[in-house]
Amino acid sequence: MEFGPDKVLVVEADASSREHVAKILTDAGYQVSAEFAVTLKTVLASMPDVIVMGASPPDLDCCDLLADVKRSEQARHIRVIMLAGGGAGERIRGLDLGADDVLSVPFDDRELLARVRAQLREKRPEDELRASVRNGRNSRREARRVLHALNRGRRTLRFGVALLIVVAALATGGLGFLYWRSQRQNVRVYTALAKLQTGIAGERELLDLARKARAQAEQNAIDSTEAQRQDLKRQNKELRDKIAGADPSQVAELERQLRTSNERLQKLETERTVAQDVIHSYAGSVCLLHVTVGFRDKGSGLVLRYTTMTPNGSPLADGSGQTQVQLGGIGPEVHMDAFGTGFLVSTDGRIVTNHHVVEPWWKNDDIAELLKQAVELEPKVVEMTAYFPGISHGIPIALQKISSDADLAVVAGNISGLKLKLLSMDDSPKAAVSGQPVVLIGYPTGVDAILARTSEDAVRSIAANTNGDPTSLVTELAHRNLIRPTNTQGHIGDVLADKIIYDAQTTSGGSGGPLFNADGKVIAVNVAMLRDFGGSNFAIPVRYAKPLLPR
């Protein structure tokens, strides 16, 4: 079953309140319609997923509408959130009237969005179950129709029909055995896919992750440009000391070495200044992308879900330690979480990144191998969100275009009012030349690098608030203003027709990051590390990205 964008109907008599609620929901990516007052007929015509209604439209119409919706066979599954002034008494009244949730006014915008998401999460399995039941009824109806047609056939066909039934029965035995084997294989594949789900079990695991990331970051710093700078400073001091006590015949050679060392140091200082300018000016427009992937059956649309959960919300394993999953049901969906980098290039919120970031299964050998064994399954993007530095909330984004020529894609979200700077791309021949310095900005290792720069007290607090859920974790990091990209400096090694090879360090999660030249222009989009070439990286020239953008 295919689900489109979630639809929300806002019913509120007060114009300013109605516009405010509608804007919050629209900015969050929902399909919103806002009305002064509506009837059940209007609701049935639009069939929203959620209704957000004020507690006191004219003549208490809200009570009549709420009662009509909950009595209607077609509309009773629509979730209703009531906005109520006052305290517990008003909330109790709203719940007694039949509202699925009641939110006190005034409310926090984030809480309203969280309540809407919670209602949608509870509603979606019910929608899928209804669709499955409906498909089953249709199948049974079609079977009855065929049998009826056979019964009306000529008597001369009865022997042939009986023979077909015998043959079908024999075939069913063989097919049943094959189906049993297929189902066993599918269950193994489903379990393997469930293991791809990213999650942090608790505080201890999150602290361990932060410590490991911190240690790795410190190790990477040893080979950084800053380390070269310190080495050259030490070398200069040693040369000056030697010159002071050297034999006159050695002074000329030592002074030549000192000049060379000073020139190299001056070059590094200049490149460092350029890099700092680029980072200061443009890092705010480089976002962390979080992509959540689910799996569904191609034929029925049923989603792969956990069968049973523990009291603390973790998937329950069977006696052999395997996670229990199935197609359909009402358990939480099996998700795979992927992180990458993107950068803003247009006022209408378009973000450039890699194809394999927005569709993490693309050219992923592990997932491809599993899906070959369960051909009825297909991956689907459940949610995509962009997190910009200094913005305390995520921005829902949607795929706009994927390149057919390179590992590139464009997504877009609503950035109105955020005052983000646009990055400029330069595909001219002089923009990328071998030997020139470059700066890479991005989120290598995804959230790990962010946690590495976070205090242990903050990590403990985050763990307590997120319960190991990746989406909650990134949301909490954004709320605490902890999402900031890292940067590395390097030099262009070679410029080829379809790639730029350079030596700035990066790793998983840095995919999609912008590669800047000394003029602060984006010349390429980071893709991967070439381990067979001494740890060099390659990036795709921006000329491949430009056709993906409106002219």
Protein backbone atom coordinates (compact mmCIF):
# COMPACT_ATOMS: atom_id res chain seq x y z
CA MET A 1 0.00 0.00 0.00
CA GLU A 2 1.36 3.44 -0.92
CA PHE A 3 0.98 6.29 1.58
CA GLY A 4 1.23 9.88 0.35
CA PRO A 5 2.18 12.95 2.39
CA ASP A 6 0.41 13.03 5.76
CA LYS A 7 -2.60 15.36 5.65
CA VAL A 8 -3.60 17.54 8.57
CA LEU A 9 -6.82 19.56 8.85
CA VAL A 10 -6.73 22.56 11.20
CA VAL A 11 -10.14 23.72 12.49
CA GLU A 12 -9.90 26.87 14.59
CA ALA A 13 -12.20 29.92 14.86
CA ASP A 14 -9.45 32.31 15.94
CA ALA A 15 -7.69 33.48 12.75
CA SER A 16 -4.25 34.16 14.29
CA SER A 17 -4.21 30.84 16.13
CA ARG A 18 -5.36 29.04 12.98
CA GLU A 19 -2.60 30.61 10.88
CA HIS A 20 0.02 29.91 13.55
CA VAL A 21 -0.85 26.20 13.83
CA ALA A 22 -1.06 25.84 10.04
CA LYS A 23 2.38 27.41 9.60
CA ILE A 24 3.98 25.10 12.18
CA LEU A 25 2.59 22.04 10.42
CA THR A 26 3.34 23.28 6.90
CA ASP A 27 6.95 24.05 7.83
CA ALA A 28 7.23 20.50 9.19
CA GLY A 29 6.34 19.11 5.74
CA TYR A 30 2.68 18.15 6.25
CA GLN A 31 -0.07 18.77 3.69
CA VAL A 32 -2.20 21.27 5.62
CA SER A 33 -5.63 22.80 5.11
CA ALA A 34 -6.97 25.31 7.64
CA GLU A 35 -10.66 26.21 8.10
CA PHE A 36 -12.82 28.43 10.34
CA ALA A 37 -15.31 25.58 10.79
CA VAL A 38 -16.14 22.38 8.91
CA THR A 39 -18.76 19.66 8.75
CA LEU A 40 -18.41 15.88 8.57
CA LYS A 41 -19.09 16.10 4.83
CA THR A 42 -16.01 18.34 4.43
CA VAL A 43 -13.93 15.91 6.45
CA LEU A 44 -15.04 12.93 4.35
CA ALA A 45 -14.23 14.85 1.16
CA SER A 46 -10.62 15.55 2.22
CA MET A 47 -10.00 12.51 4.51
CA PRO A 48 -7.15 13.98 6.57
CA ASP A 49 -4.91 11.76 8.69
CA VAL A 50 -5.12 14.11 11.68
CA ILE A 51 -7.50 16.89 12.69
CA VAL A 52 -6.16 19.62 14.98
CA MET A 53 -9.13 21.54 16.37
CA GLY A 54 -9.58 24.40 18.76
CA ALA A 55 -11.71 23.65 21.81
CA SER A 56 -14.23 26.44 21.25
CA PRO A 57 -15.24 27.19 17.67
CA PRO A 58 -18.54 29.10 17.33
CA ASP A 59 -21.52 27.54 19.11
CA LEU A 60 -19.30 24.69 20.36
CA ASP A 61 -19.33 23.19 16.87
CA CYS A 62 -16.16 21.35 17.81
CA CYS A 63 -18.15 19.01 20.05
CA ASP A 64 -20.59 18.16 17.26
CA LEU A 65 -17.80 17.69 14.72
CA LEU A 66 -15.80 15.49 17.10
CA ALA A 67 -18.84 13.33 17.82
CA ASP A 68 -19.70 13.07 14.10
CA VAL A 69 -16.14 12.02 13.18
CA LYS A 70 -15.95 9.34 15.87
CA ARG A 71 -19.44 7.96 14.96
CA SER A 72 -18.69 7.79 11.23
CA GLU A 73 -17.56 4.39 9.90
CA GLN A 74 -15.48 6.10 7.20
CA ALA A 75 -13.92 8.79 9.42
CA ARG A 76 -13.59 7.19 12.86
CA HIS A 77 -9.93 6.22 12.18
CA ILE A 78 -8.95 9.90 11.72
CA ARG A 79 -6.93 11.06 14.73
CA VAL A 80 -8.18 14.18 16.52
CA ILE A 81 -5.98 16.45 18.62
CA MET A 82 -7.85 19.13 20.57
CA LEU A 83 -6.24 22.42 21.61
CA ALA A 84 -7.76 23.40 24.98
CA GLY A 85 -7.28 26.42 27.19
CA GLY A 86 -7.27 25.93 30.94
CA GLY A 87 -5.95 23.06 32.98
CA ALA A 88 -6.67 19.42 33.72
CA GLY A 89 -10.44 19.91 33.72
CA GLU A 90 -10.49 21.11 30.11
CA ARG A 91 -8.14 18.32 29.00
CA ILE A 92 -10.36 15.70 30.68
CA ARG A 93 -13.42 17.19 29.00
CA GLY A 94 -11.73 16.95 25.59
CA LEU A 95 -10.76 13.32 26.12
CA ASP A 96 -14.26 12.45 27.35
CA LEU A 97 -15.69 14.01 24.19
CA GLY A 98 -13.66 11.52 22.16
CA ALA A 99 -10.45 13.38 21.26
CA ASP A 100 -7.41 11.13 20.81
CA ASP A 101 -5.19 13.72 22.49
CA VAL A 102 -5.57 17.12 24.14
CA LEU A 103 -2.86 19.79 24.20
CA SER A 104 -3.12 22.76 26.57
CA VAL A 105 -2.88 26.29 25.19
CA PRO A 106 -0.39 27.96 25.09
CA PHE A 107 1.77 25.14 23.79
CA ASP A 108 5.35 24.59 22.66
CA ASP A 109 5.55 24.27 18.85
CA ARG A 110 7.80 21.22 19.15
CA GLU A 111 5.33 19.52 21.47
CA LEU A 112 2.51 19.99 18.96
CA LEU A 113 4.64 18.38 16.23
CA ALA A 114 5.59 15.54 18.60
CA ARG A 115 1.90 14.92 19.40
CA VAL A 116 1.04 14.83 15.68
CA ARG A 117 3.89 12.42 14.97
CA ALA A 118 2.76 10.18 17.85
CA GLN A 119 -0.80 10.01 16.49
CA LEU A 120 0.47 9.22 13.00
CA ARG A 121 2.73 6.46 14.33
CA GLU A 122 -0.24 4.83 16.08
CA LYS A 123 -2.53 5.31 13.08
CA ARG A 124 -0.23 3.94 10.37
CA PRO A 125 -0.27 0.25 11.48
CA GLU A 126 -4.06 0.43 11.71
CA ASP A 127 -4.22 1.81 8.15
CA GLU A 128 -2.00 -0.99 6.90
CA LEU A 129 -4.07 -3.60 8.72
CA ARG A 130 -7.29 -2.21 7.25
CA ALA A 131 -5.71 -2.28 3.78
CA SER A 132 -4.61 -5.89 4.31
CA VAL A 133 -8.10 -6.92 5.46
CA ARG A 134 -9.64 -5.11 2.50
CA ASN A 135 -7.28 -6.89 0.09
CA GLY A 136 -8.19 -10.22 1.73
CA ARG A 137 -11.90 -9.54 1.33
CA ASN A 138 -11.41 -8.63 -2.33
CA SER A 139 -9.46 -11.86 -2.90
CA ARG A 140 -12.20 -13.96 -1.27
CA ARG A 141 -14.88 -12.16 -3.27
CA GLU A 142 -13.01 -12.87 -6.49
CA ALA A 143 -12.62 -16.54 -5.53
CA ARG A 144 -16.37 -16.85 -4.89
CA ARG A 145 -17.08 -15.25 -8.26
CA VAL A 146 -14.84 -17.73 -10.09
CA LEU A 147 -16.39 -20.71 -8.29
CA HIS A 148 -19.85 -19.45 -9.11
CA ALA A 149 -18.91 -19.18 -12.78
CA LEU A 150 -17.56 -22.74 -12.75
CA ASN A 151 -20.75 -24.08 -11.15
CA ARG A 152 -22.78 -22.51 -13.93
CA GLY A 153 -20.63 -24.20 -16.60
CA ARG A 154 -21.83 -27.06 -18.78
CA ARG A 155 -22.05 -30.54 -17.31
CA THR A 156 -19.61 -31.73 -19.97
CA LEU A 157 -16.86 -29.70 -18.27
CA ARG A 158 -17.28 -31.40 -14.89
CA PHE A 159 -14.86 -34.25 -15.61
CA GLY A 160 -12.25 -31.80 -16.88
CA VAL A 161 -12.71 -29.58 -13.84
CA ALA A 162 -12.40 -32.59 -11.53
CA LEU A 163 -9.18 -33.62 -13.27
CA LEU A 164 -7.81 -30.08 -12.91
CA ILE A 165 -8.63 -30.14 -9.20
CA VAL A 166 -6.68 -33.40 -8.76
CA VAL A 167 -3.69 -31.99 -10.66
CA ALA A 168 -3.91 -28.74 -8.67
CA ALA A 169 -3.95 -30.70 -5.41
CA LEU A 170 -0.82 -32.62 -6.40
CA ALA A 171 0.89 -29.42 -7.50
CA THR A 172 -0.14 -27.67 -4.30
CA GLY A 173 1.77 -30.25 -2.26
CA GLY A 174 5.00 -29.48 -4.15
CA LEU A 175 4.38 -25.74 -4.12
CA GLY A 176 3.56 -25.89 -0.43
CA PHE A 177 6.97 -27.42 0.27
CA LEU A 178 8.67 -24.75 -1.87
CA TYR A 179 6.65 -22.02 -0.14
CA TRP A 180 7.69 -23.39 3.28
CA ARG A 181 11.35 -23.29 2.24
CA SER A 182 10.91 -19.80 0.78
CA GLN A 183 9.28 -18.53 3.96
CA ARG A 184 12.10 -19.91 6.11
CA GLN A 185 14.64 -18.13 3.90
CA ASN A 186 12.60 -14.93 4.00
CA VAL A 187 12.50 -14.99 7.80
CA ARG A 188 16.30 -15.30 7.86
CA VAL A 189 16.60 -12.34 5.49
CA TYR A 190 14.13 -10.27 7.51
CA THR A 191 16.14 -10.95 10.65
CA ALA A 192 19.37 -9.95 8.90
CA LEU A 193 17.76 -6.70 7.73
CA ALA A 194 16.63 -6.01 11.30
CA LYS A 195 20.27 -6.20 12.39
CA LEU A 196 21.00 -3.21 10.14
CA GLN A 197 18.90 -1.01 12.42
CA THR A 198 21.07 1.61 14.07
CA GLY A 199 20.40 2.15 17.74
CA ILE A 200 22.11 2.91 21.02
CA ALA A 201 20.89 0.69 23.80
CA GLY A 202 21.51 3.08 26.66
CA GLU A 203 23.75 5.50 28.51
CA ARG A 204 26.75 3.18 28.74
CA GLU A 205 26.73 2.39 25.01
CA LEU A 206 26.36 6.07 24.09
CA LEU A 207 29.26 7.02 26.39
CA ASP A 208 31.41 4.26 24.89
CA LEU A 209 30.58 5.49 21.40
CA ALA A 210 31.51 9.08 22.34
CA ARG A 211 34.81 7.96 23.90
CA LYS A 212 35.80 5.87 20.89
CA ALA A 213 34.93 8.72 18.53
CA ARG A 214 36.94 11.13 20.69
CA ALA A 215 39.97 8.82 20.64
CA GLN A 216 39.69 8.44 16.87
CA ALA A 217 39.43 12.21 16.42
CA GLU A 218 42.57 12.70 18.51
CA GLN A 219 44.38 10.06 16.44
CA ASN A 220 43.36 11.77 13.20
CA ALA A 221 44.64 15.09 14.53
CA ILE A 222 48.16 13.66 14.77
CA ASP A 223 48.44 13.62 10.95
CA SER A 224 46.65 16.92 10.36
CA THR A 225 47.95 20.16 8.86
CA GLU A 226 48.33 21.50 12.39
CA ALA A 227 50.82 18.70 13.16
CA GLN A 228 52.85 19.67 10.08
CA ARG A 229 52.83 23.26 11.26
CA GLN A 230 54.16 22.33 14.68
CA ASP A 231 56.88 20.15 13.12
CA LEU A 232 58.04 23.02 10.92
CA LYS A 233 58.16 25.39 13.90
CA ARG A 234 60.30 22.87 15.80
CA GLN A 235 62.53 22.43 12.77
CA ASN A 236 62.99 26.21 12.44
CA LYS A 237 64.02 26.52 16.07
CA GLU A 238 66.54 23.67 15.71
CA LEU A 239 68.03 25.27 12.58
CA ARG A 240 68.41 28.66 14.30
CA ASP A 241 70.14 26.98 17.21
CA LYS A 242 72.51 25.17 14.83
CA ILE A 243 73.27 28.38 12.94
CA ALA A 244 74.17 30.13 16.19
CA GLY A 245 76.86 27.57 17.01
CA ALA A 246 77.81 26.36 13.53
CA ASP A 247 81.13 26.47 11.76
CA PRO A 248 81.22 29.36 9.21
CA SER A 249 81.50 26.81 6.38
CA GLN A 250 78.13 25.29 7.39
CA VAL A 251 76.15 28.49 7.91
CA ALA A 252 75.19 29.06 4.26
CA GLU A 253 73.65 25.58 3.91
CA LEU A 254 71.81 25.84 7.23
CA GLU A 255 70.42 29.27 6.27
CA ARG A 256 69.20 27.82 2.96
CA GLN A 257 67.39 25.05 4.87
CA LEU A 258 65.89 27.64 7.24
CA ARG A 259 64.58 29.73 4.29
CA THR A 260 62.99 26.65 2.75
CA SER A 261 61.41 25.67 6.05
CA ASN A 262 60.12 29.23 6.59
CA GLU A 263 58.59 29.28 3.11
CA ARG A 264 56.78 26.01 3.79
CA LEU A 265 55.59 27.32 7.16
CA GLN A 266 54.39 30.58 5.61
CA LYS A 267 52.48 28.62 2.97
CA LEU A 268 50.79 26.52 5.65
CA GLU A 269 49.93 29.68 7.65
CA THR A 270 48.37 31.26 4.56
CA GLU A 271 46.38 28.12 3.78
CA ARG A 272 45.28 27.94 7.41
CA THR A 273 43.99 31.51 7.28
CA VAL A 274 42.13 30.79 4.03
CA ALA A 275 40.60 27.65 5.55
CA GLN A 276 39.47 29.53 8.64
CA ASP A 277 37.79 32.16 6.45
CA VAL A 278 35.98 29.45 4.43
CA ILE A 279 34.85 27.64 7.58
CA HIS A 280 33.67 30.82 9.28
CA SER A 281 31.75 31.96 6.21
CA TYR A 282 30.17 28.74 4.95
CA ALA A 283 30.05 26.01 7.63
CA GLY A 284 26.56 27.16 8.66
CA SER A 285 25.20 26.11 5.26
CA VAL A 286 26.54 22.55 5.46
CA CYS A 287 23.92 20.24 6.96
CA LEU A 288 23.81 16.79 8.54
CA LEU A 289 21.38 14.58 6.62
CA HIS A 290 19.51 11.82 8.46
CA VAL A 291 17.79 9.25 6.23
CA THR A 292 15.50 6.59 7.72
CA VAL A 293 14.87 3.54 5.54
CA GLY A 294 12.16 0.89 5.97
CA PHE A 295 11.29 -2.27 4.02
CA ARG A 296 7.96 -3.33 2.54
CA ASP A 297 6.42 -6.11 0.49
CA LYS A 298 6.12 -5.12 -3.18
CA GLY A 299 2.77 -6.86 -3.66
CA SER A 300 0.79 -6.15 -0.51
CA GLY A 301 2.57 -3.02 0.70
CA LEU A 302 2.91 -4.57 4.17
CA VAL A 303 5.82 -3.15 6.14
CA LEU A 304 8.55 -5.18 7.86
CA ARG A 305 7.95 -4.82 11.60
CA TYR A 306 9.17 -6.17 14.91
CA THR A 307 6.89 -8.89 16.22
CA THR A 308 7.40 -8.37 19.95
CA MET A 309 8.98 -5.66 22.07
CA THR A 310 10.40 -5.71 25.59
CA PRO A 311 8.88 -3.43 28.27
CA ASN A 312 11.65 -0.86 27.69
CA GLY A 313 10.88 -0.68 23.98
CA SER A 314 13.69 -2.87 22.61
CA PRO A 315 13.02 -5.65 20.05
CA LEU A 316 12.54 -9.03 21.72
CA ALA A 317 14.82 -11.89 20.63
CA ASP A 318 13.81 -15.55 20.48
CA GLY A 319 15.55 -18.44 22.25
CA SER A 320 18.36 -18.46 19.67
CA GLY A 321 19.02 -14.74 20.11
CA GLN A 322 17.42 -13.76 16.77
CA THR A 323 15.25 -10.65 16.60
CA GLN A 324 11.62 -11.52 15.81
CA VAL A 325 10.24 -9.69 12.75
CA GLN A 326 7.35 -10.13 10.32
CA LEU A 327 5.51 -8.45 7.47
CA GLY A 328 2.53 -6.49 8.78
CA GLY A 329 1.27 -6.42 12.34
CA ILE A 330 1.27 -3.49 14.73
CA GLY A 331 4.85 -3.57 16.05
CA PRO A 332 7.38 -0.78 15.33
CA GLU A 333 8.83 -0.71 11.82
CA VAL A 334 12.29 -2.14 11.17
CA HIS A 335 14.41 0.86 10.20
CA MET A 336 17.93 1.45 8.94
CA ASP A 337 19.35 4.88 9.76
CA ALA A 338 21.96 6.50 7.51
CA PHE A 339 23.81 9.80 7.85
CA GLY A 340 25.51 12.00 5.30
CA THR A 341 26.31 15.59 4.44
CA GLY A 342 24.63 18.12 2.16
CA PHE A 343 25.05 21.80 1.34
CA LEU A 344 22.59 24.56 0.49
CA VAL A 345 22.71 26.03 -3.02
CA SER A 346 19.42 27.87 -3.63
CA THR A 347 16.90 30.14 -1.93
CA ASP A 348 14.13 27.56 -2.44
CA GLY A 349 15.91 25.15 -0.12
CA ARG A 350 17.72 22.87 -2.58
CA ILE A 351 20.55 20.83 -1.09
CA VAL A 352 23.22 18.94 -3.04
CA THR A 353 24.42 15.57 -1.74
CA ASN A 354 25.22 12.03 -2.98
CA HIS A 355 22.80 9.54 -4.51
CA HIS A 356 23.95 6.89 -2.02
CA VAL A 357 23.07 9.24 0.86
CA VAL A 358 19.42 9.73 -0.13
CA GLU A 359 19.02 6.08 -1.16
CA PRO A 360 21.41 4.27 1.20
CA TRP A 361 20.73 0.88 -0.42
CA TRP A 362 22.07 2.12 -3.79
CA LYS A 363 25.28 0.21 -4.59
CA ASN A 364 25.29 -1.16 -1.04
CA ASP A 365 26.54 -4.72 -1.44
CA ASP A 366 25.33 -5.90 1.97
CA ILE A 367 21.73 -4.81 1.42
CA ALA A 368 21.74 -5.89 -2.24
CA GLU A 369 22.77 -9.42 -1.27
CA LEU A 370 19.99 -9.66 1.30
CA LEU A 371 17.34 -8.33 -1.06
CA LYS A 372 18.38 -10.86 -3.71
CA GLN A 373 17.29 -13.56 -1.27
CA ALA A 374 13.92 -11.89 -0.57
CA VAL A 375 12.90 -10.51 -3.94
CA GLU A 376 9.44 -9.53 -2.69
CA LEU A 377 10.95 -6.89 -0.39
CA GLU A 378 11.90 -3.39 -1.42
CA PRO A 379 13.53 -0.58 0.58
CA LYS A 380 11.70 2.72 1.01
CA VAL A 381 12.70 6.06 2.50
CA VAL A 382 10.49 6.65 5.52
CA GLU A 383 11.85 10.05 6.45
CA MET A 384 14.62 12.48 5.47
CA THR A 385 15.68 15.39 7.65
CA ALA A 386 18.36 18.09 7.34
CA TYR A 387 20.01 19.59 10.42
CA PHE A 388 21.87 22.88 9.97
CA PRO A 389 24.31 24.31 12.55
CA GLY A 390 22.66 26.86 14.81
CA ILE A 391 19.12 25.68 13.91
CA SER A 392 17.47 23.98 16.88
CA HIS A 393 15.20 21.72 14.84
CA GLY A 394 15.37 19.45 11.83
CA ILE A 395 13.98 20.43 8.44
CA PRO A 396 11.96 17.74 6.61
CA ILE A 397 13.32 17.30 3.10
CA ALA A 398 12.17 15.48 -0.01
CA LEU A 399 14.03 14.07 -2.99
CA GLN A 400 13.98 16.32 -6.06
CA LYS A 401 16.31 14.72 -8.59
CA ILE A 402 18.95 11.99 -8.93
CA SER A 403 21.78 12.21 -11.46
CA SER A 404 22.01 9.50 -14.09
CA ASP A 405 25.67 10.34 -14.71
CA ALA A 406 27.21 10.52 -11.24
CA ASP A 407 26.66 9.69 -7.56
CA LEU A 408 24.76 12.93 -6.96
CA ALA A 409 21.26 13.97 -5.92
CA VAL A 410 19.32 17.06 -4.92
CA VAL A 411 16.84 17.26 -2.05
CA ALA A 412 14.84 20.27 -0.87
CA GLY A 413 13.13 21.58 2.26
CA ASN A 414 11.47 24.71 3.57
CA ILE A 415 14.22 27.10 4.76
CA SER A 416 12.12 30.28 4.81
CA GLY A 417 13.09 32.59 7.63
CA LEU A 418 16.33 30.75 8.50
CA LYS A 419 18.73 33.27 6.88
CA LEU A 420 21.15 30.63 5.64
CA LYS A 421 23.94 31.59 3.24
CA LEU A 422 23.97 29.95 -0.18
CA LEU A 423 27.12 28.20 -1.37
CA SER A 424 28.49 29.08 -4.79
CA MET A 425 29.73 26.36 -7.17
CA ASP A 426 32.56 26.93 -9.66
CA ASP A 427 33.16 24.49 -12.51
CA SER A 428 35.63 26.61 -14.48
CA PRO A 429 38.99 25.00 -15.45
CA LYS A 430 40.95 27.38 -13.19
CA ALA A 431 38.83 26.56 -10.13
CA ALA A 432 40.51 23.18 -9.52
CA VAL A 433 44.22 22.80 -10.26
CA SER A 434 46.61 20.11 -9.00
CA GLY A 435 48.56 21.19 -5.95
CA GLN A 436 46.06 23.82 -4.83
CA PRO A 437 44.83 23.78 -1.21
CA VAL A 438 41.28 22.60 -0.50
CA VAL A 439 38.97 22.54 2.52
CA LEU A 440 36.42 19.79 3.12
CA ILE A 441 33.47 20.50 5.44
CA GLY A 442 31.11 17.75 6.56
CA TYR A 443 30.01 15.24 9.15
CA PRO A 444 32.42 12.30 8.92
CA THR A 445 31.20 9.35 11.03
CA GLY A 446 27.75 11.00 11.29
CA VAL A 447 26.75 11.70 14.89
CA ASP A 448 29.88 10.00 16.30
CA ALA A 449 32.08 13.03 15.61
CA ILE A 450 29.45 15.29 17.21
CA LEU A 451 29.38 13.13 20.34
CA ALA A 452 33.18 13.19 20.42
CA ARG A 453 33.04 16.97 20.96
CA THR A 454 30.32 16.70 23.63
CA SER A 455 31.01 16.51 27.38
CA GLU A 456 30.27 13.26 29.19
CA ASP A 457 27.67 14.97 31.38
CA ALA A 458 25.84 16.15 28.26
CA VAL A 459 26.08 12.67 26.71
CA ARG A 460 24.55 11.13 29.86
CA SER A 461 21.71 13.63 29.75
CA ILE A 462 21.14 13.00 26.03
CA ALA A 463 21.09 9.22 26.60
CA ALA A 464 18.46 9.61 29.32
CA ASN A 465 16.25 11.70 27.01
CA THR A 466 16.53 9.63 23.82
CA ASN A 467 16.37 5.97 24.94
CA GLY A 468 18.73 4.92 22.13
CA ASP A 469 16.49 6.06 19.27
CA PRO A 470 18.59 7.61 16.44
CA THR A 471 15.90 10.15 15.47
CA SER A 472 15.48 11.27 19.08
CA LEU A 473 19.26 11.45 19.44
CA VAL A 474 19.75 13.79 16.46
CA THR A 475 16.73 15.88 17.49
CA GLU A 476 18.20 16.30 20.97
CA LEU A 477 21.63 17.25 19.55
CA ALA A 478 19.98 19.92 17.38
CA HIS A 479 17.92 21.22 20.31
CA ARG A 480 21.14 21.62 22.33
CA ASN A 481 22.85 23.39 19.40
CA LEU A 482 25.53 20.68 19.24
CA ILE A 483 25.33 19.94 15.51
CA ARG A 484 28.43 21.47 13.92
CA PRO A 485 30.46 20.10 11.00
CA THR A 486 34.13 19.24 11.11
CA ASN A 487 36.67 20.45 8.58
CA THR A 488 39.92 19.15 7.15
CA GLN A 489 42.52 20.73 4.90
CA GLY A 490 44.43 19.13 2.08
CA HIS A 491 45.63 19.55 -1.49
CA ILE A 492 44.38 18.49 -4.90
CA GLY A 493 46.36 15.52 -6.13
CA ASP A 494 44.85 15.15 -9.60
CA VAL A 495 41.98 16.53 -11.65
CA LEU A 496 40.31 13.96 -13.92
CA ALA A 497 37.29 14.23 -16.19
CA ASP A 498 34.90 12.67 -13.68
CA LYS A 499 36.67 13.09 -10.34
CA ILE A 500 39.00 15.25 -8.29
CA ILE A 501 41.47 13.34 -6.12
CA TYR A 502 42.65 15.08 -2.95
CA ASP A 503 44.20 14.22 0.42
CA ALA A 504 41.98 15.88 3.09
CA GLN A 505 40.92 13.28 5.64
CA THR A 506 37.32 12.06 5.82
CA THR A 507 35.34 8.89 6.46
CA SER A 508 31.78 7.50 6.47
CA GLY A 509 29.21 10.27 6.92
CA GLY A 510 31.39 12.78 5.07
CA SER A 511 29.72 11.73 1.82
CA GLY A 512 28.05 14.70 0.15
CA GLY A 513 30.31 17.28 1.79
CA PRO A 514 31.38 20.35 -0.22
CA LEU A 515 35.05 20.60 -1.28
CA PHE A 516 36.11 24.28 -1.33
CA ASN A 517 39.02 25.91 -3.15
CA ALA A 518 41.00 28.84 -1.74
CA ASP A 519 38.44 31.30 -3.16
CA GLY A 520 35.63 29.82 -1.08
CA LYS A 521 33.92 28.22 -4.08
CA VAL A 522 32.60 24.66 -4.05
CA ILE A 523 34.50 22.76 -6.74
CA ALA A 524 33.38 19.20 -6.00
CA VAL A 525 31.15 16.95 -3.85
CA ASN A 526 32.94 14.43 -1.64
CA VAL A 527 32.17 10.77 -2.36
CA ALA A 528 34.62 8.25 -0.95
CA MET A 529 38.08 7.32 0.26
CA LEU A 530 40.39 5.51 -2.14
CA ARG A 531 42.17 3.18 0.27
CA ASP A 532 44.33 1.73 -2.52
CA PHE A 533 45.78 5.18 -3.16
CA GLY A 534 47.29 5.96 0.23
CA GLY A 535 44.05 7.13 1.84
CA SER A 536 43.29 9.77 -0.79
CA ASN A 537 39.68 10.80 -1.37
CA PHE A 538 37.78 11.56 -4.50
CA ALA A 539 35.02 14.05 -5.16
CA ILE A 540 32.68 14.60 -8.11
CA PRO A 541 33.16 17.92 -9.97
CA VAL A 542 30.23 20.29 -9.51
CA ARG A 543 29.58 20.39 -13.24
CA TYR A 544 27.69 17.11 -12.71
CA ALA A 545 25.49 18.76 -10.05
CA LYS A 546 24.45 21.84 -12.01
CA PRO A 547 22.06 19.99 -14.41
CA LEU A 548 20.10 18.80 -11.35
CA LEU A 549 19.20 22.39 -10.41
CA PRO A 550 16.60 24.70 -12.01
CA ARG A 551 18.13 27.11 -14.48
